[in-house]
C-alpha atoms as a PDB file:
ATOM      1  CA  MET A   1      -9.428  -6.976 -20.214  1.00  0.00           C
ATOM      2  CA  ILE A   2      -9.418  -7.637 -16.470  1.00  0.00           C
ATOM      3  CA  PRO A   3      -6.041  -8.895 -15.253  1.00  0.00           C
ATOM      4  CA  PHE A   4      -6.245 -12.514 -14.056  1.00  0.00           C
ATOM      5  CA  PHE A   5      -4.739 -11.530 -10.684  1.00  0.00           C
ATOM      6  CA  GLN A   6      -7.360  -8.865  -9.894  1.00  0.00           C
ATOM      7  CA  ARG A   7      -9.743 -10.087  -7.198  1.00  0.00           C
ATOM      8  CA  SER A   8     -13.425  -9.430  -7.688  1.00  0.00           C
ATOM      9  CA  GLU A   9     -15.207  -7.400  -5.032  1.00  0.00           C
ATOM     10  CA  SER A  10     -17.502  -9.399  -2.779  1.00  0.00           C
ATOM     11  CA  PRO A  11     -21.208  -8.452  -2.651  1.00  0.00           C
ATOM     12  CA  LEU A  12     -20.724  -7.472   1.007  1.00  0.00           C
ATOM     13  CA  ILE A  13     -17.951  -4.979   0.209  1.00  0.00           C
ATOM     14  CA  GLN A  14     -19.733  -3.687  -2.886  1.00  0.00           C
ATOM     15  CA  ALA A  15     -22.931  -3.002  -0.937  1.00  0.00           C
ATOM     16  CA  TYR A  16     -20.952  -1.253   1.820  1.00  0.00           C
ATOM     17  CA  ARG A  17     -18.962   0.895  -0.602  1.00  0.00           C
ATOM     18  CA  GLU A  18     -21.928   1.873  -2.781  1.00  0.00           C
ATOM     19  CA  GLY A  19     -24.185   2.514   0.207  1.00  0.00           C
ATOM     20  CA  THR A  20     -21.639   4.606   2.114  1.00  0.00           C
ATOM     21  CA  LYS A  21     -19.548   6.598  -0.360  1.00  0.00           C
ATOM     22  CA  SER A  22     -22.505   8.383  -1.971  1.00  0.00           C
ATOM     23  CA  GLY A  23     -22.982  12.042  -1.141  1.00  0.00           C
ATOM     24  CA  ILE A  24     -25.426  13.513   1.376  1.00  0.00           C
ATOM     25  CA  ARG A  25     -26.937  16.953   0.841  1.00  0.00           C
ATOM     26  CA  LYS A  26     -25.854  19.390   3.545  1.00  0.00           C
ATOM     27  CA  ASN A  27     -29.427  20.575   4.082  1.00  0.00           C
ATOM     28  CA  THR A  28     -30.650  17.039   4.867  1.00  0.00           C
ATOM     29  CA  PRO A  29     -32.630  17.111   8.147  1.00  0.00           C
ATOM     30  CA  VAL A  30     -30.785  15.307  10.934  1.00  0.00           C
ATOM     31  CA  ASN A  31     -33.913  13.289  11.724  1.00  0.00           C
ATOM     32  CA  GLU A  32     -33.640  11.732   8.257  1.00  0.00           C
ATOM     33  CA  LEU A  33     -30.065  10.592   8.839  1.00  0.00           C
ATOM     34  CA  ARG A  34     -28.910   7.345  10.359  1.00  0.00           C
ATOM     35  CA  PHE A  35     -26.289   7.567  13.098  1.00  0.00           C
ATOM     36  CA  VAL A  36     -24.421   4.624  14.574  1.00  0.00           C
ATOM     37  CA  VAL A  37     -22.570   5.288  17.823  1.00  0.00           C
ATOM     38  CA  ILE A  38     -19.614   2.952  18.128  1.00  0.00           C
ATOM     39  CA  ASP A  39     -16.846   2.118  20.573  1.00  0.00           C
ATOM     40  CA  ALA A  40     -13.997  -0.381  20.513  1.00  0.00           C
ATOM     41  CA  GLU A  41     -11.859  -1.638  23.374  1.00  0.00           C
ATOM     42  CA  THR A  42      -8.356  -2.580  22.241  1.00  0.00           C
ATOM     43  CA  SER A  43      -5.137  -4.190  23.417  1.00  0.00           C
ATOM     44  CA  GLY A  44      -3.375  -0.813  23.188  1.00  0.00           C
ATOM     45  CA  LEU A  45      -3.138   2.470  21.306  1.00  0.00           C
ATOM     46  CA  LYS A  46      -0.832   1.448  18.439  1.00  0.00           C
ATOM     47  CA  VAL A  47      -3.033   1.012  15.404  1.00  0.00           C
ATOM     48  CA  ALA A  48      -0.434  -0.892  13.400  1.00  0.00           C
ATOM     49  CA  GLN A  49       0.162  -3.613  15.983  1.00  0.00           C
ATOM     50  CA  ASP A  50      -2.635  -3.651  18.580  1.00  0.00           C
ATOM     51  CA  ARG A  51      -5.937  -5.474  18.114  1.00  0.00           C
ATOM     52  CA  ILE A  52      -9.625  -4.930  18.779  1.00  0.00           C
ATOM     53  CA  LEU A  53     -10.892  -6.931  21.752  1.00  0.00           C
ATOM     54  CA  SER A  54     -14.538  -5.846  21.805  1.00  0.00           C
ATOM     55  CA  ILE A  55     -16.894  -3.627  19.798  1.00  0.00           C
ATOM     56  CA  ALA A  56     -20.353  -2.282  20.586  1.00  0.00           C
ATOM     57  CA  LEU A  57     -22.757   0.007  18.773  1.00  0.00           C
ATOM     58  CA  PHE A  58     -26.089   1.733  19.226  1.00  0.00           C
ATOM     59  CA  GLU A  59     -28.228   3.194  16.465  1.00  0.00           C
ATOM     60  CA  ILE A  60     -29.838   6.617  16.757  1.00  0.00           C
ATOM     61  CA  ALA A  61     -32.977   7.289  14.738  1.00  0.00           C
ATOM     62  CA  ASN A  62     -35.402  10.208  15.017  1.00  0.00           C
ATOM     63  CA  GLY A  63     -33.464  11.649  17.932  1.00  0.00           C
ATOM     64  CA  GLN A  64     -33.648   8.509  20.072  1.00  0.00           C
ATOM     65  CA  ILE A  65     -31.322   5.648  20.958  1.00  0.00           C
ATOM     66  CA  ASP A  66     -32.792   2.458  19.509  1.00  0.00           C
ATOM     67  CA  ILE A  67     -31.844  -0.159  22.098  1.00  0.00           C
ATOM     68  CA  THR A  68     -33.358  -2.915  19.961  1.00  0.00           C
ATOM     69  CA  ARG A  69     -30.716  -2.305  17.287  1.00  0.00           C
ATOM     70  CA  SER A  70     -27.718  -2.417  19.608  1.00  0.00           C
ATOM     71  CA  ARG A  71     -24.975  -4.985  19.059  1.00  0.00           C
ATOM     72  CA  LYS A  72     -21.812  -6.060  20.854  1.00  0.00           C
ATOM     73  CA  TRP A  73     -19.025  -8.503  20.078  1.00  0.00           C
ATOM     74  CA  MET A  74     -16.089 -10.049  21.901  1.00  0.00           C
ATOM     75  CA  VAL A  75     -13.374 -10.567  19.307  1.00  0.00           C
ATOM     76  CA  PHE A  76     -11.283 -13.736  19.167  1.00  0.00           C
ATOM     77  CA  GLN A  77      -7.643 -12.701  19.598  1.00  0.00           C
ATOM     78  CA  PRO A  78      -5.601 -15.786  20.543  1.00  0.00           C
ATOM     79  CA  GLU A  79      -2.228 -14.064  20.656  1.00  0.00           C
ATOM     80  CA  THR A  80      -3.010 -11.126  22.930  1.00  0.00           C
ATOM     81  CA  ALA A  81      -1.398 -10.868  26.355  1.00  0.00           C
ATOM     82  CA  PRO A  82      -2.220  -8.616  29.326  1.00  0.00           C
ATOM     83  CA  THR A  83      -1.126  -5.032  28.687  1.00  0.00           C
ATOM     84  CA  ALA A  84      -1.497  -1.672  30.407  1.00  0.00           C
ATOM     85  CA  ALA A  85      -4.881  -1.400  28.661  1.00  0.00           C
ATOM     86  CA  THR A  86      -6.083  -4.553  30.450  1.00  0.00           C
ATOM     87  CA  ALA A  87      -6.108  -2.669  33.758  1.00  0.00           C
ATOM     88  CA  ILE A  88      -8.482  -0.112  32.183  1.00  0.00           C
ATOM     89  CA  HIS A  89     -11.027  -2.225  30.307  1.00  0.00           C
ATOM     90  CA  GLY A  90     -10.571  -5.446  32.277  1.00  0.00           C
ATOM     91  CA  ILE A  91     -10.772  -7.749  29.248  1.00  0.00           C
ATOM     92  CA  LEU A  92      -8.593 -10.792  29.933  1.00  0.00           C
ATOM     93  CA  PRO A  93      -6.918 -12.962  27.283  1.00  0.00           C
ATOM     94  CA  CYS A  94      -9.114 -15.904  28.317  1.00  0.00           C
ATOM     95  CA  GLU A  95     -12.197 -13.863  27.333  1.00  0.00           C
ATOM     96  CA  THR A  96     -10.957 -12.928  23.878  1.00  0.00           C
ATOM     97  CA  ARG A  97      -9.923 -16.525  23.202  1.00  0.00           C
ATOM     98  CA  SER A  98     -13.599 -17.475  23.444  1.00  0.00           C
ATOM     99  CA  GLY A  99     -14.777 -14.629  21.202  1.00  0.00           C
ATOM    100  CA  ILE A 100     -15.873 -14.511  17.558  1.00  0.00           C
ATOM    101  CA  THR A 101     -13.200 -14.374  14.872  1.00  0.00           C
ATOM    102  CA  GLU A 102     -12.247 -10.887  13.705  1.00  0.00           C
ATOM    103  CA  LYS A 103     -13.362 -11.621  10.145  1.00  0.00           C
ATOM    104  CA  LYS A 104     -16.770 -12.907  11.259  1.00  0.00           C
ATOM    105  CA  VAL A 105     -17.290  -9.846  13.482  1.00  0.00           C
ATOM    106  CA  LEU A 106     -16.482  -7.538  10.576  1.00  0.00           C
ATOM    107  CA  GLU A 107     -18.821  -9.418   8.238  1.00  0.00           C
ATOM    108  CA  GLU A 108     -21.616  -8.874  10.775  1.00  0.00           C
ATOM    109  CA  LEU A 109     -20.562  -5.280  11.479  1.00  0.00           C
ATOM    110  CA  LEU A 110     -20.224  -3.984   7.925  1.00  0.00           C
ATOM    111  CA  PRO A 111     -23.945  -4.117   6.956  1.00  0.00           C
ATOM    112  CA  LEU A 112     -24.745  -2.151  10.136  1.00  0.00           C
ATOM    113  CA  LEU A 113     -22.228   0.549   9.153  1.00  0.00           C
ATOM    114  CA  THR A 114     -23.462   0.801   5.567  1.00  0.00           C
ATOM    115  CA  GLY A 115     -24.802   4.285   4.888  1.00  0.00           C
ATOM    116  CA  ALA A 116     -24.410   5.384   8.509  1.00  0.00           C
ATOM    117  CA  ILE A 117     -22.659   8.397   9.999  1.00  0.00           C
ATOM    118  CA  LEU A 118     -20.468   7.002  12.763  1.00  0.00           C
ATOM    119  CA  VAL A 119     -20.412   8.790  16.109  1.00  0.00           C
ATOM    120  CA  GLY A 120     -18.131   8.282  19.090  1.00  0.00           C
ATOM    121  CA  HIS A 121     -15.916   9.949  21.628  1.00  0.00           C
ATOM    122  CA  HIS A 122     -12.430  10.280  20.114  1.00  0.00           C
ATOM    123  CA  VAL A 123     -13.954   8.143  17.388  1.00  0.00           C
ATOM    124  CA  ARG A 124     -11.073   8.580  14.949  1.00  0.00           C
ATOM    125  CA  PHE A 125      -9.032   6.082  16.980  1.00  0.00           C
ATOM    126  CA  ASP A 126     -11.839   3.501  17.053  1.00  0.00           C
ATOM    127  CA  LEU A 127     -12.298   3.819  13.294  1.00  0.00           C
ATOM    128  CA  ALA A 128      -8.555   3.592  12.673  1.00  0.00           C
ATOM    129  CA  MET A 129      -8.542   0.289  14.545  1.00  0.00           C
ATOM    130  CA  ILE A 130     -11.630  -0.918  12.670  1.00  0.00           C
ATOM    131  CA  GLN A 131     -10.125   0.105   9.333  1.00  0.00           C
ATOM    132  CA  ALA A 132      -6.907  -1.771  10.102  1.00  0.00           C
ATOM    133  CA  ALA A 133      -9.002  -4.868  10.823  1.00  0.00           C
ATOM    134  CA  LEU A 134     -11.072  -4.343   7.653  1.00  0.00           C
ATOM    135  CA  LEU A 135      -7.938  -4.096   5.517  1.00  0.00           C
ATOM    136  CA  ARG A 136      -6.463  -7.224   7.130  1.00  0.00           C
ATOM    137  CA  ASN A 137      -9.555  -9.349   6.734  1.00  0.00           C
ATOM    138  CA  LEU A 138     -11.723  -7.970   3.942  1.00  0.00           C
ATOM    139  CA  GLY A 139      -9.400  -5.740   1.932  1.00  0.00           C
ATOM    140  CA  THR A 140     -11.519  -2.608   2.233  1.00  0.00           C
ATOM    141  CA  PRO A 141     -10.975   0.751   3.951  1.00  0.00           C
ATOM    142  CA  CYS A 142     -13.555   2.511   6.100  1.00  0.00           C
ATOM    143  CA  TYR A 143     -15.681   4.809   3.913  1.00  0.00           C
ATOM    144  CA  ASN A 144     -17.959   6.259   6.592  1.00  0.00           C
ATOM    145  CA  ARG A 145     -18.409   9.845   7.642  1.00  0.00           C
ATOM    146  CA  MET A 146     -17.846  10.454  11.334  1.00  0.00           C
ATOM    147  CA  ILE A 147     -18.695  12.819  14.182  1.00  0.00           C
ATOM    148  CA  ASP A 148     -16.491  13.121  17.265  1.00  0.00           C
ATOM    149  CA  THR A 149     -18.468  14.086  20.376  1.00  0.00           C
ATOM    150  CA  ALA A 150     -15.267  15.482  21.921  1.00  0.00           C
ATOM    151  CA  ARG A 151     -15.066  18.002  19.078  1.00  0.00           C
ATOM    152  CA  ILE A 152     -18.723  19.004  19.461  1.00  0.00           C
ATOM    153  CA  ALA A 153     -18.086  19.525  23.181  1.00  0.00           C
ATOM    154  CA  MET A 154     -15.214  21.885  22.378  1.00  0.00           C
ATOM    155  CA  HIS A 155     -17.593  23.978  20.320  1.00  0.00           C
ATOM    156  CA  GLU A 156     -20.686  23.839  22.522  1.00  0.00           C
ATOM    157  CA  LEU A 157     -19.366  23.676  26.101  1.00  0.00           C
ATOM    158  CA  THR A 158     -17.591  26.746  27.470  1.00  0.00           C
ATOM    159  CA  ALA A 159     -15.245  24.690  29.653  1.00  0.00           C
ATOM    160  CA  PHE A 160     -13.680  23.093  26.578  1.00  0.00           C
ATOM    161  CA  ARG A 161     -13.650  25.951  24.070  1.00  0.00           C
ATOM    162  CA  GLN A 162     -10.633  26.000  21.783  1.00  0.00           C
ATOM    163  CA  THR A 163      -7.967  28.338  23.086  1.00  0.00           C
ATOM    164  CA  GLY A 164      -5.564  28.473  20.153  1.00  0.00           C
ATOM    165  CA  TYR A 165      -2.968  26.523  22.138  1.00  0.00           C
ATOM    166  CA  ALA A 166      -1.439  24.049  19.679  1.00  0.00           C
ATOM    167  CA  ASN A 167      -1.333  21.129  22.137  1.00  0.00           C
ATOM    168  CA  GLN A 168      -4.802  21.588  23.600  1.00  0.00           C
ATOM    169  CA  ARG A 169      -6.220  18.181  24.516  1.00  0.00           C
ATOM    170  CA  PRO A 170      -9.796  17.286  23.587  1.00  0.00           C
ATOM    171  CA  PRO A 171     -11.885  16.507  26.690  1.00  0.00           C
ATOM    172  CA  SER A 172     -12.325  12.967  27.932  1.00  0.00           C
ATOM    173  CA  LEU A 173     -15.726  11.308  28.026  1.00  0.00           C
ATOM    174  CA  ASP A 174     -15.759  11.613  31.827  1.00  0.00           C
ATOM    175  CA  GLU A 175     -15.031  15.351  31.610  1.00  0.00           C
ATOM    176  CA  VAL A 176     -17.851  15.924  29.125  1.00  0.00           C
ATOM    177  CA  CYS A 177     -20.266  13.861  31.212  1.00  0.00           C
ATOM    178  CA  ALA A 178     -19.379  15.951  34.275  1.00  0.00           C
ATOM    179  CA  GLN A 179     -20.185  19.175  32.399  1.00  0.00           C
ATOM    180  CA  LEU A 180     -23.507  17.725  31.216  1.00  0.00           C
ATOM    181  CA  ASN A 181     -24.403  16.258  34.637  1.00  0.00           C
ATOM    182  CA  LEU A 182     -24.669  12.884  32.941  1.00  0.00           C
ATOM    183  CA  PRO A 183     -23.668   9.742  34.877  1.00  0.00           C
ATOM    184  CA  PRO A 184     -21.543   7.574  32.552  1.00  0.00           C
ATOM    185  CA  VAL A 185     -22.630   3.976  32.091  1.00  0.00           C
ATOM    186  CA  ALA A 186     -20.189   1.061  32.577  1.00  0.00           C
ATOM    187  CA  ARG A 187     -17.084   3.076  31.719  1.00  0.00           C
ATOM    188  CA  HIS A 188     -14.294   1.446  29.746  1.00  0.00           C
ATOM    189  CA  THR A 189     -16.537  -1.224  28.303  1.00  0.00           C
ATOM    190  CA  ALA A 190     -17.417  -0.992  24.622  1.00  0.00           C
ATOM    191  CA  GLU A 191     -21.147  -1.222  25.344  1.00  0.00           C
ATOM    192  CA  GLY A 192     -21.080   1.296  28.207  1.00  0.00           C
ATOM    193  CA  ASP A 193     -18.916   3.839  26.394  1.00  0.00           C
ATOM    194  CA  ALA A 194     -20.963   3.575  23.192  1.00  0.00           C
ATOM    195  CA  PHE A 195     -24.216   4.114  25.089  1.00  0.00           C
ATOM    196  CA  THR A 196     -22.767   7.012  27.073  1.00  0.00           C
ATOM    197  CA  ALA A 197     -21.417   8.617  23.881  1.00  0.00           C
ATOM    198  CA  ALA A 198     -24.879   8.260  22.324  1.00  0.00           C
ATOM    199  CA  GLU A 199     -26.428  10.114  25.265  1.00  0.00           C
ATOM    200  CA  VAL A 200     -23.722  12.797  25.052  1.00  0.00           C
ATOM    201  CA  PHE A 201     -24.356  13.197  21.318  1.00  0.00           C
ATOM    202  CA  LEU A 202     -28.093  13.717  21.820  1.00  0.00           C
ATOM    203  CA  LEU A 203     -27.540  16.228  24.640  1.00  0.00           C
ATOM    204  CA  LEU A 204     -25.023  18.193  22.577  1.00  0.00           C
ATOM    205  CA  CYS A 205     -27.376  18.172  19.586  1.00  0.00           C
ATOM    206  CA  GLY A 206     -29.992  19.675  21.885  1.00  0.00           C
ATOM    207  CA  ARG A 207     -27.583  22.475  22.762  1.00  0.00           C
ATOM    208  CA  ILE A 208     -26.875  23.134  19.088  1.00  0.00           C
ATOM    209  CA  ARG A 209     -30.597  23.268  18.378  1.00  0.00           C
ATOM    210  CA  ARG A 210     -31.171  25.776  21.189  1.00  0.00           C
ATOM    211  CA  ARG A 211     -28.278  27.901  19.910  1.00  0.00           C
ATOM    212  CA  LEU A 212     -29.990  27.892  16.503  1.00  0.00           C
ATOM    213  CA  LYS A 213     -33.234  29.092  18.108  1.00  0.00           C
ATOM    214  CA  ASN A 214     -34.821  25.642  18.016  1.00  0.00           C
ATOM    215  CA  ARG A 215     -34.908  25.264  14.257  1.00  0.00           C
ATOM    216  CA  PRO A 216     -34.654  21.647  13.035  1.00  0.00           C
ATOM    217  CA  LEU A 217     -31.041  20.531  12.718  1.00  0.00           C
ATOM    218  CA  GLN A 218     -29.540  19.858   9.314  1.00  0.00           C
ATOM    219  CA  LEU A 219     -26.406  17.965   8.351  1.00  0.00           C
ATOM    220  CA  ARG A 220     -24.544  21.259   7.877  1.00  0.00           C
ATOM    221  CA  ASP A 221     -25.023  22.042  11.593  1.00  0.00           C
ATOM    222  CA  LEU A 222     -22.915  19.070  12.717  1.00  0.00           C
ATOM    223  CA  PRO A 223     -19.110  18.614  12.461  1.00  0.00           C
ATOM    224  CA  VAL A 224     -19.280  15.720  10.023  1.00  0.00           C
ATOM    225  CA  LYS A 225     -16.049  14.651   8.351  1.00  0.00           C
ATOM    226  CA  ARG A 226     -15.086  11.810   6.076  1.00  0.00           C
ATOM    227  CA  PHE A 227     -12.927   9.383   8.040  1.00  0.00           C
ATOM    228  CA  LYS A 228      -9.230   9.476   7.183  1.00  0.00           C
ATOM    229  CA  SER A 229      -6.747   7.483   9.207  1.00  0.00           C
ATOM    230  CA  THR A 230      -3.146   7.919  10.187  1.00  0.00           C
ATOM    231  CA  LEU A 231      -1.336   5.085  11.950  1.00  0.00           C
ATOM    232  CA  GLY A 232      -0.298   7.491  14.667  1.00  0.00           C
ATOM    233  CA  ALA A 233      -3.885   8.237  15.646  1.00  0.00           C
ATOM    234  CA  ASN A 234      -4.710   7.848  19.342  1.00  0.00           C
ATOM    235  CA  ARG A 235      -7.389   8.894  21.760  1.00  0.00           C
ATOM    236  CA  SER A 236      -5.484  11.846  23.190  1.00  0.00           C
ATOM    237  CA  ALA A 237      -3.935  13.396  20.078  1.00  0.00           C
ATOM    238  CA  PRO A 238      -3.642  17.212  20.244  1.00  0.00           C
ATOM    239  CA  LEU A 239      -5.766  19.355  17.991  1.00  0.00           C
ATOM    240  CA  ASN A 240      -4.144  20.008  14.651  1.00  0.00           C
ATOM    241  CA  ASN A 241      -7.078  20.953  12.470  1.00  0.00           C
ATOM    242  CA  ASN A 242     -10.503  22.537  12.591  1.00  0.00           C
ATOM    243  CA  PRO A 243     -13.186  19.895  13.188  1.00  0.00           C
ATOM    244  CA  PHE A 244     -15.830  22.106  11.610  1.00  0.00           C
ATOM    245  CA  ILE A 245     -14.384  22.034   8.090  1.00  0.00           C
ATOM    246  CA  PRO A 246     -17.186  21.283   5.589  1.00  0.00           C
ATOM    247  CA  ILE A 247     -17.524  17.745   4.289  1.00  0.00           C
END
């Protein structure tokens, strides 16, 4: 018997859960996988109390950024006030007051995340913020696998190699772009940072492929992890685990 107080799962959440939690074989060719590069601009770095102000994403398919499948949202947040983060991303309270409600954004976002591996620079923070919003509005956690381009950079770029120092800081997006001779696009906007992270991801995948003597990349070649959040997550957290642990 189903308890009368148990809420049924909506078709949206069921499709997301079933389409995202299923396993992926480690020898799956990367070109057969779907990657969504995502970035969120927020009112601050405290996951438990700050809010998402804007989100943008770009899809990568067959080794290319599909501009036609990009999306961006300004999120309605009527109670936000200017913070230290405002000076960085420049999003004013008057802009978020004219945005789309958080729940509506998530209902549009979730089908795009279904079955995708999420990519971003320091992406754990973005996903922690998205998960907090998902739990508030839709009652579901984030089930996606993720790849952090900062962690790939620490493996593939000599300047950022792990040193064994416990408080080593992962490189910023600007630092990685400088090493790759890549001009960042519209920094500190969700759309610009997502697009720049997508370019970084493709360039770093090219370096991995060359290191592997140009054989086609498989899932096992990338530092894919299942997303797990802690409320203390932030964009500059020190390294405390190995990002290349198997899925």
